[in-house]
N, C-alpha and C. Protein backbone atom coordinates (compact mmCIF):
# COMPACT_ATOMS: atom_id res chain seq x y z
N MET A 1 -3.71 -24.27 6.44
CA MET A 1 -3.98 -23.30 7.49
C MET A 1 -5.49 -23.08 7.56
N SER A 2 -5.97 -22.88 8.76
CA SER A 2 -7.38 -22.57 8.99
C SER A 2 -7.47 -21.19 9.63
N VAL A 3 -8.40 -20.39 9.14
CA VAL A 3 -8.57 -19.02 9.67
C VAL A 3 -9.97 -18.92 10.25
N ARG A 4 -10.06 -18.49 11.49
CA ARG A 4 -11.36 -18.28 12.13
C ARG A 4 -11.46 -16.83 12.57
N THR A 5 -12.54 -16.20 12.17
CA THR A 5 -12.83 -14.81 12.54
C THR A 5 -14.17 -14.79 13.24
N VAL A 6 -14.25 -14.07 14.35
CA VAL A 6 -15.51 -13.92 15.06
C VAL A 6 -15.81 -12.43 15.16
N MET A 7 -16.98 -12.05 14.68
CA MET A 7 -17.41 -10.66 14.79
C MET A 7 -18.60 -10.61 15.73
N ARG A 8 -18.60 -9.62 16.60
CA ARG A 8 -19.69 -9.42 17.57
C ARG A 8 -20.19 -7.99 17.41
N ILE A 9 -21.47 -7.87 17.11
CA ILE A 9 -22.10 -6.57 16.90
C ILE A 9 -23.21 -6.43 17.94
N THR A 10 -23.14 -5.39 18.77
CA THR A 10 -24.15 -5.15 19.79
C THR A 10 -25.26 -4.27 19.23
N MET A 11 -26.49 -4.77 19.32
CA MET A 11 -27.65 -4.03 18.85
C MET A 11 -28.31 -3.35 20.05
N ASP A 12 -29.40 -2.62 19.80
CA ASP A 12 -30.10 -1.93 20.89
C ASP A 12 -30.83 -2.89 21.82
N GLY A 13 -31.25 -4.02 21.31
CA GLY A 13 -31.97 -4.98 22.15
C GLY A 13 -32.02 -6.34 21.49
N PRO A 14 -32.47 -7.36 22.23
CA PRO A 14 -32.52 -8.72 21.70
C PRO A 14 -33.49 -8.88 20.52
N GLU A 15 -34.60 -8.15 20.54
CA GLU A 15 -35.57 -8.25 19.44
C GLU A 15 -34.95 -7.77 18.14
N GLU A 16 -34.24 -6.64 18.20
CA GLU A 16 -33.58 -6.10 17.01
C GLU A 16 -32.51 -7.07 16.52
N ALA A 17 -31.73 -7.63 17.44
CA ALA A 17 -30.67 -8.57 17.07
C ALA A 17 -31.26 -9.79 16.37
N LYS A 18 -32.37 -10.32 16.91
CA LYS A 18 -32.99 -11.49 16.30
C LYS A 18 -33.52 -11.18 14.91
N MET A 19 -34.15 -10.02 14.75
CA MET A 19 -34.68 -9.63 13.45
C MET A 19 -33.55 -9.53 12.41
N VAL A 20 -32.44 -8.93 12.80
CA VAL A 20 -31.31 -8.77 11.89
C VAL A 20 -30.70 -10.13 11.55
N VAL A 21 -30.53 -10.99 12.55
CA VAL A 21 -29.96 -12.32 12.30
C VAL A 21 -30.88 -13.14 11.40
N ASP A 22 -32.18 -13.02 11.59
CA ASP A 22 -33.11 -13.74 10.72
C ASP A 22 -32.91 -13.33 9.26
N ALA A 23 -32.68 -12.05 9.04
CA ALA A 23 -32.44 -11.56 7.68
C ALA A 23 -31.04 -11.96 7.18
N LEU A 24 -30.05 -11.90 8.05
CA LEU A 24 -28.68 -12.23 7.64
C LEU A 24 -28.47 -13.71 7.40
N SER A 25 -29.10 -14.55 8.19
CA SER A 25 -28.84 -15.99 8.11
C SER A 25 -29.23 -16.59 6.77
N VAL A 26 -30.08 -15.90 6.02
CA VAL A 26 -30.45 -16.36 4.67
C VAL A 26 -29.20 -16.45 3.80
N ASP A 27 -28.24 -15.55 4.05
CA ASP A 27 -27.01 -15.50 3.25
C ASP A 27 -25.88 -16.32 3.85
N ASP A 28 -26.09 -16.96 4.99
CA ASP A 28 -25.05 -17.81 5.57
C ASP A 28 -24.71 -18.91 4.56
N ASP A 29 -23.43 -19.15 4.40
CA ASP A 29 -23.00 -20.21 3.49
C ASP A 29 -22.06 -21.14 4.25
N GLY A 30 -21.27 -21.89 3.55
CA GLY A 30 -20.38 -22.83 4.20
C GLY A 30 -19.28 -22.19 5.02
N TYR A 31 -19.09 -20.88 4.86
CA TYR A 31 -18.01 -20.18 5.56
C TYR A 31 -18.45 -19.45 6.82
N ILE A 32 -19.73 -19.11 6.90
CA ILE A 32 -20.18 -18.23 7.98
C ILE A 32 -21.44 -18.77 8.64
N SER A 33 -21.52 -18.59 9.94
CA SER A 33 -22.75 -18.90 10.66
C SER A 33 -23.02 -17.73 11.61
N THR A 34 -24.28 -17.35 11.66
CA THR A 34 -24.69 -16.18 12.43
C THR A 34 -25.67 -16.61 13.50
N ARG A 35 -25.53 -16.04 14.71
CA ARG A 35 -26.44 -16.36 15.81
C ARG A 35 -26.61 -15.13 16.70
N VAL A 36 -27.57 -15.23 17.62
CA VAL A 36 -27.85 -14.16 18.58
C VAL A 36 -27.47 -14.62 19.97
N GLU A 37 -26.82 -13.75 20.71
CA GLU A 37 -26.54 -13.96 22.13
C GLU A 37 -27.04 -12.71 22.86
N GLY A 38 -28.28 -12.78 23.33
CA GLY A 38 -28.88 -11.60 23.96
C GLY A 38 -29.10 -10.52 22.92
N LYS A 39 -28.46 -9.37 23.10
CA LYS A 39 -28.59 -8.31 22.10
C LYS A 39 -27.37 -8.22 21.19
N VAL A 40 -26.56 -9.28 21.21
CA VAL A 40 -25.34 -9.31 20.40
C VAL A 40 -25.51 -10.28 19.24
N ILE A 41 -25.15 -9.82 18.05
CA ILE A 41 -25.10 -10.67 16.87
C ILE A 41 -23.67 -11.21 16.78
N VAL A 42 -23.56 -12.52 16.63
CA VAL A 42 -22.24 -13.15 16.53
C VAL A 42 -22.14 -13.82 15.17
N ALA A 43 -21.08 -13.50 14.45
CA ALA A 43 -20.81 -14.14 13.16
C ALA A 43 -19.49 -14.90 13.28
N ASP A 44 -19.55 -16.20 13.06
CA ASP A 44 -18.35 -17.05 13.04
C ASP A 44 -18.00 -17.32 11.59
N ILE A 45 -16.78 -16.97 11.22
CA ILE A 45 -16.32 -17.18 9.85
C ILE A 45 -15.14 -18.14 9.90
N ASP A 46 -15.26 -19.25 9.17
CA ASP A 46 -14.18 -20.24 9.10
C ASP A 46 -13.79 -20.44 7.64
N THR A 47 -12.54 -20.14 7.33
CA THR A 47 -12.04 -20.30 5.97
C THR A 47 -10.66 -20.95 6.00
N GLU A 48 -10.20 -21.33 4.84
CA GLU A 48 -8.88 -21.94 4.75
C GLU A 48 -7.79 -20.91 4.49
N ARG A 49 -8.18 -19.73 4.00
CA ARG A 49 -7.20 -18.68 3.69
C ARG A 49 -7.64 -17.36 4.30
N LEU A 50 -6.68 -16.56 4.67
CA LEU A 50 -6.95 -15.25 5.26
C LEU A 50 -7.75 -14.37 4.31
N GLU A 51 -7.39 -14.35 3.04
CA GLU A 51 -8.10 -13.52 2.07
C GLU A 51 -9.56 -13.94 1.94
N SER A 52 -9.83 -15.22 1.98
CA SER A 52 -11.22 -15.70 1.91
C SER A 52 -12.00 -15.25 3.14
N GLY A 53 -11.38 -15.26 4.30
CA GLY A 53 -12.01 -14.78 5.52
C GLY A 53 -12.33 -13.30 5.45
N ARG A 54 -11.39 -12.54 4.90
CA ARG A 54 -11.61 -11.10 4.76
C ARG A 54 -12.78 -10.82 3.82
N ARG A 55 -12.84 -11.55 2.73
CA ARG A 55 -13.95 -11.34 1.77
C ARG A 55 -15.29 -11.73 2.38
N ALA A 56 -15.31 -12.85 3.10
CA ALA A 56 -16.56 -13.28 3.76
C ALA A 56 -17.01 -12.25 4.78
N ALA A 57 -16.06 -11.73 5.57
CA ALA A 57 -16.40 -10.71 6.58
C ALA A 57 -16.90 -9.44 5.91
N ASP A 58 -16.26 -9.04 4.83
CA ASP A 58 -16.66 -7.84 4.11
C ASP A 58 -18.07 -7.99 3.54
N ASP A 59 -18.36 -9.13 2.94
CA ASP A 59 -19.70 -9.38 2.40
C ASP A 59 -20.75 -9.37 3.51
N TRP A 60 -20.43 -10.01 4.64
CA TRP A 60 -21.36 -10.08 5.76
C TRP A 60 -21.66 -8.69 6.31
N LEU A 61 -20.60 -7.88 6.47
CA LEU A 61 -20.79 -6.52 6.97
C LEU A 61 -21.60 -5.67 6.00
N ALA A 62 -21.40 -5.85 4.71
CA ALA A 62 -22.18 -5.11 3.72
C ALA A 62 -23.66 -5.47 3.84
N CYS A 63 -23.96 -6.75 4.01
CA CYS A 63 -25.35 -7.18 4.19
C CYS A 63 -25.93 -6.60 5.48
N LEU A 64 -25.15 -6.64 6.55
CA LEU A 64 -25.58 -6.08 7.82
C LEU A 64 -25.93 -4.60 7.68
N MET A 65 -25.06 -3.85 7.03
CA MET A 65 -25.31 -2.41 6.85
C MET A 65 -26.58 -2.17 6.03
N SER A 66 -26.81 -2.99 5.02
CA SER A 66 -28.01 -2.84 4.21
C SER A 66 -29.27 -3.08 5.04
N ILE A 67 -29.24 -4.08 5.89
CA ILE A 67 -30.40 -4.39 6.72
C ILE A 67 -30.62 -3.31 7.77
N VAL A 68 -29.58 -2.87 8.43
CA VAL A 68 -29.70 -1.87 9.50
C VAL A 68 -30.18 -0.54 8.94
N ARG A 69 -29.74 -0.17 7.76
CA ARG A 69 -30.16 1.10 7.16
C ARG A 69 -31.64 1.12 6.83
N LYS A 70 -32.22 -0.05 6.56
CA LYS A 70 -33.65 -0.12 6.21
C LYS A 70 -34.55 0.04 7.41
N GLN A 71 -34.00 -0.09 8.62
CA GLN A 71 -34.82 -0.01 9.83
C GLN A 71 -35.18 1.42 10.15
């Protein structure tokens, strides 16, 4: 089975989205890829198991919260 999760987070503007993605993409691994679409941050998570997808999403969101809080 393959599990794909897509998360879309809308920021205040494209500059903020790019800055956050630049910081987040350092942690991208074989399961997740992060990109910017205008002022939206898009995270694509591809895993073989649902639990692995949940963990990847949880880790990504924790990193996102850490970066956003520092702004």
